[in-house]
Amino acid sequence: MLKFFLNSSTSSYLRGLADEFNESSNAIRVELNRFEQAGLLTSSFDGNKKMFTANTQHPLFRDIHNILMKHVGVDRVVNDLIRKLGHVSRAWLTGEMAAGRESRIIDIILVGENIDRNYLGRLTTSAEKMTDRKIRTLCITAEEEQEYLKSEKNALLLWEAEEKKRKGEKQ
């Protein structure tokens, strides 16, 4: 579930999942079929590969996504770390977790100006204790954001400042 519901843009196919999770393709097939029959996953063909993605239109998608965010501790990082820094415009989840894989490390890119790195360090230490995971942060400016995100194909927008959301709605 983590693979598809943490980052809804993630897609994968049977053999890729079997290799990734070191499970038999038959066991993976059974689970994929169950999720697809329940409407939680959708599928399409890419050549001869049947690709699966999360069905974001399913009524339970948002609830499952939120439960997984809490499970991996990302919700705590957002609430306790990002909101208290004050100068952050966006926060992106990257790395293994953004790709939907379990990880002991939470990778976050913070976009903003004049972020107090000493305070960030203290908040990160506190958040690591709450989540029982290591947190790696990268602070960049809005001008650097697109360049960094080019190399992060699974980047997941975690949080955006309210004024940024309002500006986007006006355009």
C-alpha atoms as a PDB file:
ATOM      1  CA  MET A   1       0.000   0.000   0.000  1.00  0.00           C
ATOM      2  CA  LEU A   2       2.805   2.372   0.881  1.00  0.00           C
ATOM      3  CA  LYS A   3       4.160   2.079  -2.650  1.00  0.00           C
ATOM      4  CA  PHE A   4       0.991   3.421  -4.278  1.00  0.00           C
ATOM      5  CA  PHE A   5      -0.832   5.459  -1.656  1.00  0.00           C
ATOM      6  CA  LEU A   6       1.942   7.592  -0.175  1.00  0.00           C
ATOM      7  CA  ASN A   7       2.769   9.124  -3.557  1.00  0.00           C
ATOM      8  CA  SER A   8      -0.123   8.714  -5.988  1.00  0.00           C
ATOM      9  CA  SER A   9       2.059   9.404  -9.029  1.00  0.00           C
ATOM     10  CA  THR A  10       3.950   6.148  -8.421  1.00  0.00           C
ATOM     11  CA  SER A  11       3.243   3.332 -10.835  1.00  0.00           C
ATOM     12  CA  SER A  12       4.698  -0.139 -11.029  1.00  0.00           C
ATOM     13  CA  TYR A  13       4.242  -3.528 -12.639  1.00  0.00           C
ATOM     14  CA  LEU A  14       4.055  -7.068 -11.288  1.00  0.00           C
ATOM     15  CA  ARG A  15       7.643  -8.235 -11.832  1.00  0.00           C
ATOM     16  CA  GLY A  16       9.075  -4.900 -10.693  1.00  0.00           C
ATOM     17  CA  LEU A  17       7.166  -5.179  -7.415  1.00  0.00           C
ATOM     18  CA  ALA A  18       8.154  -8.833  -6.967  1.00  0.00           C
ATOM     19  CA  ASP A  19      11.831  -7.897  -7.369  1.00  0.00           C
ATOM     20  CA  GLU A  20      11.554  -4.794  -5.181  1.00  0.00           C
ATOM     21  CA  PHE A  21       9.883  -6.606  -2.284  1.00  0.00           C
ATOM     22  CA  ASN A  22      11.681  -9.932  -2.808  1.00  0.00           C
ATOM     23  CA  GLU A  23       8.346 -11.764  -2.959  1.00  0.00           C
ATOM     24  CA  SER A  24       6.970 -14.302  -5.382  1.00  0.00           C
ATOM     25  CA  SER A  25       5.218 -12.822  -8.386  1.00  0.00           C
ATOM     26  CA  ASN A  26       2.171 -14.975  -7.599  1.00  0.00           C
ATOM     27  CA  ALA A  27       1.785 -13.469  -4.105  1.00  0.00           C
ATOM     28  CA  ILE A  28       2.134  -9.957  -5.544  1.00  0.00           C
ATOM     29  CA  ARG A  29      -0.365 -10.764  -8.326  1.00  0.00           C
ATOM     30  CA  VAL A  30      -2.978 -11.911  -5.799  1.00  0.00           C
ATOM     31  CA  GLU A  31      -2.658  -8.673  -3.812  1.00  0.00           C
ATOM     32  CA  LEU A  32      -2.669  -6.439  -6.899  1.00  0.00           C
ATOM     33  CA  ASN A  33      -5.805  -8.170  -8.183  1.00  0.00           C
ATOM     34  CA  ARG A  34      -7.538  -7.749  -4.806  1.00  0.00           C
ATOM     35  CA  PHE A  35      -6.740  -4.026  -4.724  1.00  0.00           C
ATOM     36  CA  GLU A  36      -7.778  -3.592  -8.353  1.00  0.00           C
ATOM     37  CA  GLN A  37     -11.077  -5.440  -7.817  1.00  0.00           C
ATOM     38  CA  ALA A  38     -11.758  -3.225  -4.789  1.00  0.00           C
ATOM     39  CA  GLY A  39     -11.188  -0.179  -6.995  1.00  0.00           C
ATOM     40  CA  LEU A  40      -8.178   1.023  -4.997  1.00  0.00           C
ATOM     41  CA  LEU A  41      -5.777   0.491  -7.911  1.00  0.00           C
ATOM     42  CA  THR A  42      -6.195   1.146 -11.608  1.00  0.00           C
ATOM     43  CA  SER A  43      -4.218  -0.537 -14.354  1.00  0.00           C
ATOM     44  CA  SER A  44      -3.124   0.184 -17.893  1.00  0.00           C
ATOM     45  CA  PHE A  45      -0.752  -1.452 -20.325  1.00  0.00           C
ATOM     46  CA  ASP A  46       2.664  -0.099 -21.251  1.00  0.00           C
ATOM     47  CA  GLY A  47       3.643  -2.456 -24.046  1.00  0.00           C
ATOM     48  CA  ASN A  48       3.285  -5.901 -22.509  1.00  0.00           C
ATOM     49  CA  LYS A  49       3.550  -4.642 -18.910  1.00  0.00           C
ATOM     50  CA  LYS A  50       0.406  -4.152 -16.873  1.00  0.00           C
ATOM     51  CA  MET A  51       1.098  -0.991 -14.876  1.00  0.00           C
ATOM     52  CA  PHE A  52      -0.703  -0.297 -11.596  1.00  0.00           C
ATOM     53  CA  THR A  53      -1.352   3.080  -9.954  1.00  0.00           C
ATOM     54  CA  ALA A  54      -3.463   4.266  -7.039  1.00  0.00           C
ATOM     55  CA  ASN A  55      -7.019   5.240  -7.909  1.00  0.00           C
ATOM     56  CA  THR A  56      -7.079   8.789  -6.553  1.00  0.00           C
ATOM     57  CA  GLN A  57     -10.812   8.980  -7.288  1.00  0.00           C
ATOM     58  CA  HIS A  58     -11.635   6.171  -4.856  1.00  0.00           C
ATOM     59  CA  PRO A  59     -13.591   7.497  -1.839  1.00  0.00           C
ATOM     60  CA  LEU A  60     -11.037   6.010   0.579  1.00  0.00           C
ATOM     61  CA  PHE A  61      -7.909   7.254  -1.209  1.00  0.00           C
ATOM     62  CA  ARG A  62      -7.458  10.404   0.920  1.00  0.00           C
ATOM     63  CA  ASP A  63      -8.022   8.472   4.169  1.00  0.00           C
ATOM     64  CA  ILE A  64      -5.522   5.759   3.209  1.00  0.00           C
ATOM     65  CA  HIS A  65      -2.992   8.421   2.157  1.00  0.00           C
ATOM     66  CA  ASN A  66      -3.374  10.233   5.503  1.00  0.00           C
ATOM     67  CA  ILE A  67      -3.031   7.005   7.483  1.00  0.00           C
ATOM     68  CA  LEU A  68       0.204   6.171   5.640  1.00  0.00           C
ATOM     69  CA  MET A  69       1.548   9.699   6.195  1.00  0.00           C
ATOM     70  CA  LYS A  70       0.965   9.172   9.919  1.00  0.00           C
ATOM     71  CA  HIS A  71       2.432   5.660   9.795  1.00  0.00           C
ATOM     72  CA  VAL A  72       5.743   6.850   8.364  1.00  0.00           C
ATOM     73  CA  GLY A  73       5.783   9.952  10.586  1.00  0.00           C
ATOM     74  CA  VAL A  74       5.719  12.526   7.800  1.00  0.00           C
ATOM     75  CA  ASP A  75       2.678  14.271   9.285  1.00  0.00           C
ATOM     76  CA  ARG A  76       4.641  14.954  12.484  1.00  0.00           C
ATOM     77  CA  VAL A  77       7.582  16.324  10.531  1.00  0.00           C
ATOM     78  CA  VAL A  78       5.286  18.712   8.677  1.00  0.00           C
ATOM     79  CA  ASN A  79       3.487  19.868  11.805  1.00  0.00           C
ATOM     80  CA  ASP A  80       6.457  20.125  14.127  1.00  0.00           C
ATOM     81  CA  LEU A  81       9.294  21.091  11.839  1.00  0.00           C
ATOM     82  CA  ILE A  82       8.109  23.000   8.804  1.00  0.00           C
ATOM     83  CA  ARG A  83       5.378  25.127  10.352  1.00  0.00           C
ATOM     84  CA  LYS A  84       7.718  26.399  13.086  1.00  0.00           C
ATOM     85  CA  LEU A  85      10.489  27.581  10.760  1.00  0.00           C
ATOM     86  CA  GLY A  86       8.438  30.487   9.455  1.00  0.00           C
ATOM     87  CA  HIS A  87      10.231  31.177   6.163  1.00  0.00           C
ATOM     88  CA  VAL A  88       9.401  27.984   4.265  1.00  0.00           C
ATOM     89  CA  SER A  89       7.241  28.277   1.137  1.00  0.00           C
ATOM     90  CA  ARG A  90       7.139  24.565   0.210  1.00  0.00           C
ATOM     91  CA  ALA A  91       8.309  21.208   1.529  1.00  0.00           C
ATOM     92  CA  TRP A  92       8.931  18.169  -0.672  1.00  0.00           C
ATOM     93  CA  LEU A  93       9.323  14.541   0.348  1.00  0.00           C
ATOM     94  CA  THR A  94      12.015  12.845  -1.759  1.00  0.00           C
ATOM     95  CA  GLY A  95      14.052   9.664  -1.683  1.00  0.00           C
ATOM     96  CA  GLU A  96      12.877   6.163  -0.860  1.00  0.00           C
ATOM     97  CA  MET A  97       9.687   7.192   0.927  1.00  0.00           C
ATOM     98  CA  ALA A  98       8.560   9.417  -1.926  1.00  0.00           C
ATOM     99  CA  ALA A  99       8.949   6.375  -4.174  1.00  0.00           C
ATOM    100  CA  GLY A 100       6.668   4.444  -1.819  1.00  0.00           C
ATOM    101  CA  ARG A 101       9.351   2.296  -0.230  1.00  0.00           C
ATOM    102  CA  GLU A 102       9.780   1.810   3.503  1.00  0.00           C
ATOM    103  CA  SER A 103      12.836   3.655   4.773  1.00  0.00           C
ATOM    104  CA  ARG A 104      14.471   4.570   8.070  1.00  0.00           C
ATOM    105  CA  ILE A 105      15.351   7.962   6.531  1.00  0.00           C
ATOM    106  CA  ILE A 106      12.935  10.773   5.691  1.00  0.00           C
ATOM    107  CA  ASP A 107      14.382  13.035   2.971  1.00  0.00           C
ATOM    108  CA  ILE A 108      12.871  16.515   2.812  1.00  0.00           C
ATOM    109  CA  ILE A 109      13.641  19.504   0.611  1.00  0.00           C
ATOM    110  CA  LEU A 110      12.649  22.821   2.201  1.00  0.00           C
ATOM    111  CA  VAL A 111      12.125  25.743  -0.163  1.00  0.00           C
ATOM    112  CA  GLY A 112      12.448  29.160   1.411  1.00  0.00           C
ATOM    113  CA  GLU A 113      14.546  32.147   2.323  1.00  0.00           C
ATOM    114  CA  ASN A 114      16.660  32.761   5.422  1.00  0.00           C
ATOM    115  CA  ILE A 115      15.827  29.462   7.102  1.00  0.00           C
ATOM    116  CA  ASP A 116      17.476  29.332  10.529  1.00  0.00           C
ATOM    117  CA  ARG A 117      19.601  26.210  10.153  1.00  0.00           C
ATOM    118  CA  ASN A 118      20.477  26.024  13.853  1.00  0.00           C
ATOM    119  CA  TYR A 119      16.792  26.040  14.776  1.00  0.00           C
ATOM    120  CA  LEU A 120      16.117  23.569  11.956  1.00  0.00           C
ATOM    121  CA  GLY A 121      18.730  21.251  13.468  1.00  0.00           C
ATOM    122  CA  ARG A 122      17.030  21.355  16.880  1.00  0.00           C
ATOM    123  CA  LEU A 123      13.596  20.757  15.347  1.00  0.00           C
ATOM    124  CA  THR A 124      14.963  17.898  13.241  1.00  0.00           C
ATOM    125  CA  THR A 125      16.423  16.203  16.324  1.00  0.00           C
ATOM    126  CA  SER A 126      13.067  16.508  18.079  1.00  0.00           C
ATOM    127  CA  ALA A 127      11.152  15.164  15.059  1.00  0.00           C
ATOM    128  CA  GLU A 128      13.588  12.234  14.741  1.00  0.00           C
ATOM    129  CA  LYS A 129      12.786  11.182  18.303  1.00  0.00           C
ATOM    130  CA  MET A 130       9.044  11.348  17.629  1.00  0.00           C
ATOM    131  CA  THR A 131       9.198   9.395  14.368  1.00  0.00           C
ATOM    132  CA  ASP A 132      12.040   7.019  15.286  1.00  0.00           C
ATOM    133  CA  ARG A 133      13.561   7.785  11.872  1.00  0.00           C
ATOM    134  CA  LYS A 134      16.480   9.861  10.663  1.00  0.00           C
ATOM    135  CA  ILE A 135      15.559  13.049   8.813  1.00  0.00           C
ATOM    136  CA  ARG A 136      17.737  14.577   6.093  1.00  0.00           C
ATOM    137  CA  THR A 137      16.878  18.108   5.086  1.00  0.00           C
ATOM    138  CA  LEU A 138      18.066  20.196   2.175  1.00  0.00           C
ATOM    139  CA  CYS A 139      17.328  23.931   2.225  1.00  0.00           C
ATOM    140  CA  ILE A 140      17.071  25.634  -1.159  1.00  0.00           C
ATOM    141  CA  THR A 141      15.695  28.868  -2.566  1.00  0.00           C
ATOM    142  CA  ALA A 142      12.665  29.119  -4.822  1.00  0.00           C
ATOM    143  CA  GLU A 143      15.041  29.867  -7.712  1.00  0.00           C
ATOM    144  CA  GLU A 144      16.870  26.569  -7.137  1.00  0.00           C
ATOM    145  CA  GLU A 145      13.710  24.500  -6.679  1.00  0.00           C
ATOM    146  CA  GLN A 146      13.035  23.469 -10.290  1.00  0.00           C
ATOM    147  CA  GLU A 147      16.650  22.467 -10.863  1.00  0.00           C
ATOM    148  CA  TYR A 148      16.704  20.229  -7.775  1.00  0.00           C
ATOM    149  CA  LEU A 149      13.319  18.688  -8.553  1.00  0.00           C
ATOM    150  CA  LYS A 150      14.462  17.651 -12.048  1.00  0.00           C
ATOM    151  CA  SER A 151      16.581  14.929 -10.449  1.00  0.00           C
ATOM    152  CA  GLU A 152      13.815  13.876  -8.018  1.00  0.00           C
ATOM    153  CA  LYS A 153      11.310  12.009 -10.183  1.00  0.00           C
ATOM    154  CA  ASN A 154       9.212  10.904  -7.194  1.00  0.00           C
ATOM    155  CA  ALA A 155       9.149  14.209  -5.307  1.00  0.00           C
ATOM    156  CA  LEU A 156       5.921  14.589  -3.344  1.00  0.00           C
ATOM    157  CA  LEU A 157       4.693  18.037  -2.294  1.00  0.00           C
ATOM    158  CA  LEU A 158       4.026  17.758   1.443  1.00  0.00           C
ATOM    159  CA  TRP A 159       3.210  21.302   2.345  1.00  0.00           C
ATOM    160  CA  GLU A 160       2.815  24.704   0.758  1.00  0.00           C
ATOM    161  CA  ALA A 161       2.512  28.073   2.506  1.00  0.00           C
ATOM    162  CA  GLU A 162      -0.998  29.500   2.412  1.00  0.00           C
ATOM    163  CA  GLU A 163       0.005  32.616   0.454  1.00  0.00           C
ATOM    164  CA  LYS A 164       1.556  30.399  -2.241  1.00  0.00           C
ATOM    165  CA  LYS A 165      -1.690  28.431  -2.524  1.00  0.00           C
ATOM    166  CA  ARG A 166      -3.758  31.607  -2.836  1.00  0.00           C
ATOM    167  CA  LYS A 167      -1.471  33.043  -5.534  1.00  0.00           C
ATOM    168  CA  GLY A 168      -1.760  29.781  -7.485  1.00  0.00           C
ATOM    169  CA  GLU A 169      -5.557  29.918  -7.295  1.00  0.00           C
ATOM    170  CA  LYS A 170      -5.674  33.464  -8.690  1.00  0.00           C
ATOM    171  CA  GLN A 171      -3.681  32.609 -11.795  1.00  0.00           C
END
